[in-house]
Amino acid sequence: MKWIEIIKLRVAESSGDPFPRQLAEIISGIHRERGLVEIRLYRRTLLESDLSIHLYWDSEQPAPQGSAAGLFLMHMLKAFGLISHSVWLEEPGPGQAGVTGKQRMSKAI
């Protein structure tokens, strides 16, 4: 099952550098859990003090309250400003909507 964990950070004080130096260290220090595929960092186009960190997962079950890595990251980033944390499940693509694997297989035969 594919899912994504999104941690949004609004930096409290602008020090001239929209990406706090320690942010890269914190992200690189995240323990790579089983199922963690990728970590991406985004900056908001109109407000450089807003960051969004996306943790991409592929595992049997999502962590509805967040993974250990995501919760650790959220805890570490609280020192920089306001945090928002959410977990999202990937929906089937347009060709798969409402069709189970068994149904796809029987249609192919």
Protein backbone atom coordinates (compact mmCIF):
# COMPACT_ATOMS: atom_id res chain seq x y z
CA MET A 1 0.00 0.00 0.00
CA LYS A 2 1.37 3.42 -0.95
CA TRP A 3 0.91 6.35 1.39
CA ILE A 4 2.50 9.68 2.13
CA GLU A 5 3.24 11.54 5.32
CA ILE A 6 3.30 15.32 5.03
CA ILE A 7 4.89 17.59 7.61
CA LYS A 8 4.40 21.30 7.04
CA LEU A 9 6.59 23.81 8.84
CA ARG A 10 6.08 27.55 9.08
CA VAL A 11 9.38 28.96 10.32
CA ALA A 12 8.83 31.37 13.20
CA GLU A 13 11.73 33.75 12.59
CA SER A 14 13.26 34.59 9.26
CA SER A 15 17.02 34.58 9.67
CA GLY A 16 17.61 35.44 6.03
CA ASP A 17 18.06 31.75 5.27
CA PRO A 18 14.65 30.14 4.59
CA PHE A 19 16.12 26.70 5.24
CA PRO A 20 17.59 26.47 8.72
CA ARG A 21 21.02 24.88 8.52
CA GLN A 22 20.07 22.16 10.93
CA LEU A 23 17.10 21.10 8.79
CA ALA A 24 19.27 19.12 6.37
CA GLU A 25 21.01 17.43 9.29
CA ILE A 26 17.71 16.53 10.93
CA ILE A 27 16.32 15.05 7.71
CA SER A 28 19.50 13.11 6.96
CA GLY A 29 19.49 11.78 10.53
CA ILE A 30 16.07 10.15 10.16
CA HIS A 31 16.23 6.43 10.76
CA ARG A 32 15.33 4.69 7.51
CA GLU A 33 12.35 2.59 8.47
CA ARG A 34 11.20 -0.39 6.46
CA GLY A 35 8.86 0.85 3.73
CA LEU A 36 10.24 4.40 3.58
CA VAL A 37 10.88 4.96 -0.11
CA GLU A 38 11.85 8.62 -0.35
CA ILE A 39 11.95 11.95 1.49
CA ARG A 40 11.36 15.18 -0.42
CA LEU A 41 11.52 18.78 0.74
CA TYR A 42 9.40 21.55 -0.79
CA ARG A 43 9.39 25.32 -0.27
CA ARG A 44 6.25 27.40 -0.77
CA THR A 45 6.49 29.69 -3.81
CA LEU A 46 5.13 32.89 -2.24
CA LEU A 47 6.22 32.42 1.34
CA GLU A 48 9.79 31.16 1.73
CA SER A 49 9.34 30.50 5.44
CA ASP A 50 6.87 27.68 4.67
CA LEU A 51 8.36 24.23 4.11
CA SER A 52 6.71 20.90 3.37
CA ILE A 53 8.48 17.61 3.95
CA HIS A 54 7.02 14.54 2.25
CA LEU A 55 7.83 11.01 3.35
CA TYR A 56 6.81 8.48 0.69
CA TRP A 57 5.95 5.00 1.95
CA ASP A 58 5.18 1.61 0.43
CA SER A 59 4.18 -0.85 3.15
CA GLU A 60 1.50 -3.39 3.99
CA GLN A 61 -0.25 -1.04 6.44
CA PRO A 62 -0.09 2.74 6.79
CA ALA A 63 0.59 4.35 10.16
CA PRO A 64 -2.63 6.39 10.64
CA GLN A 65 -1.10 8.55 13.39
CA GLY A 66 2.26 8.82 11.61
CA SER A 67 5.42 6.74 11.43
CA ALA A 68 8.17 6.78 14.02
CA ALA A 69 10.36 8.68 11.52
CA GLY A 70 7.61 11.23 10.82
CA LEU A 71 6.82 11.75 14.49
CA PHE A 72 10.54 12.14 15.26
CA LEU A 73 10.89 14.68 12.47
CA MET A 74 7.81 16.57 13.65
CA HIS A 75 9.16 16.67 17.21
CA MET A 76 12.57 17.93 16.09
CA LEU A 77 11.10 20.65 13.84
CA LYS A 78 8.81 22.10 16.53
CA ALA A 79 11.76 24.22 17.67
CA PHE A 80 11.69 26.10 14.35
CA GLY A 81 8.01 27.08 14.23
CA LEU A 82 4.47 25.85 13.68
CA ILE A 83 3.94 22.25 12.56
CA SER A 84 1.17 20.43 10.73
CA HIS A 85 1.34 16.65 10.26
CA SER A 86 -0.94 14.42 8.19
CA VAL A 87 -1.05 10.96 6.62
CA TRP A 88 -2.59 10.31 3.19
CA LEU A 89 -3.40 7.06 1.38
CA GLU A 90 -2.87 6.74 -2.35
CA GLU A 91 -6.09 6.22 -4.29
CA PRO A 92 -6.22 3.84 -7.26
CA GLY A 93 -5.50 5.40 -10.65
CA PRO A 94 -8.32 6.27 -13.08
CA GLY A 95 -8.11 2.88 -14.80
CA GLN A 96 -8.27 1.06 -11.45
CA ALA A 97 -10.96 3.01 -9.61
CA GLY A 98 -13.51 0.68 -8.07
CA VAL A 99 -11.94 -2.44 -9.61
CA THR A 100 -10.22 -5.00 -7.42
CA GLY A 101 -7.18 -7.01 -8.50
CA LYS A 102 -9.37 -10.12 -8.86
CA GLN A 103 -11.80 -8.23 -11.14
CA ARG A 104 -8.94 -6.89 -13.30
CA MET A 105 -7.59 -10.41 -13.65
CA SER A 106 -10.94 -11.89 -14.71
CA LYS A 107 -11.48 -9.08 -17.25
CA ALA A 108 -8.05 -9.78 -18.75
CA ILE A 109 -8.84 -13.49 -19.31
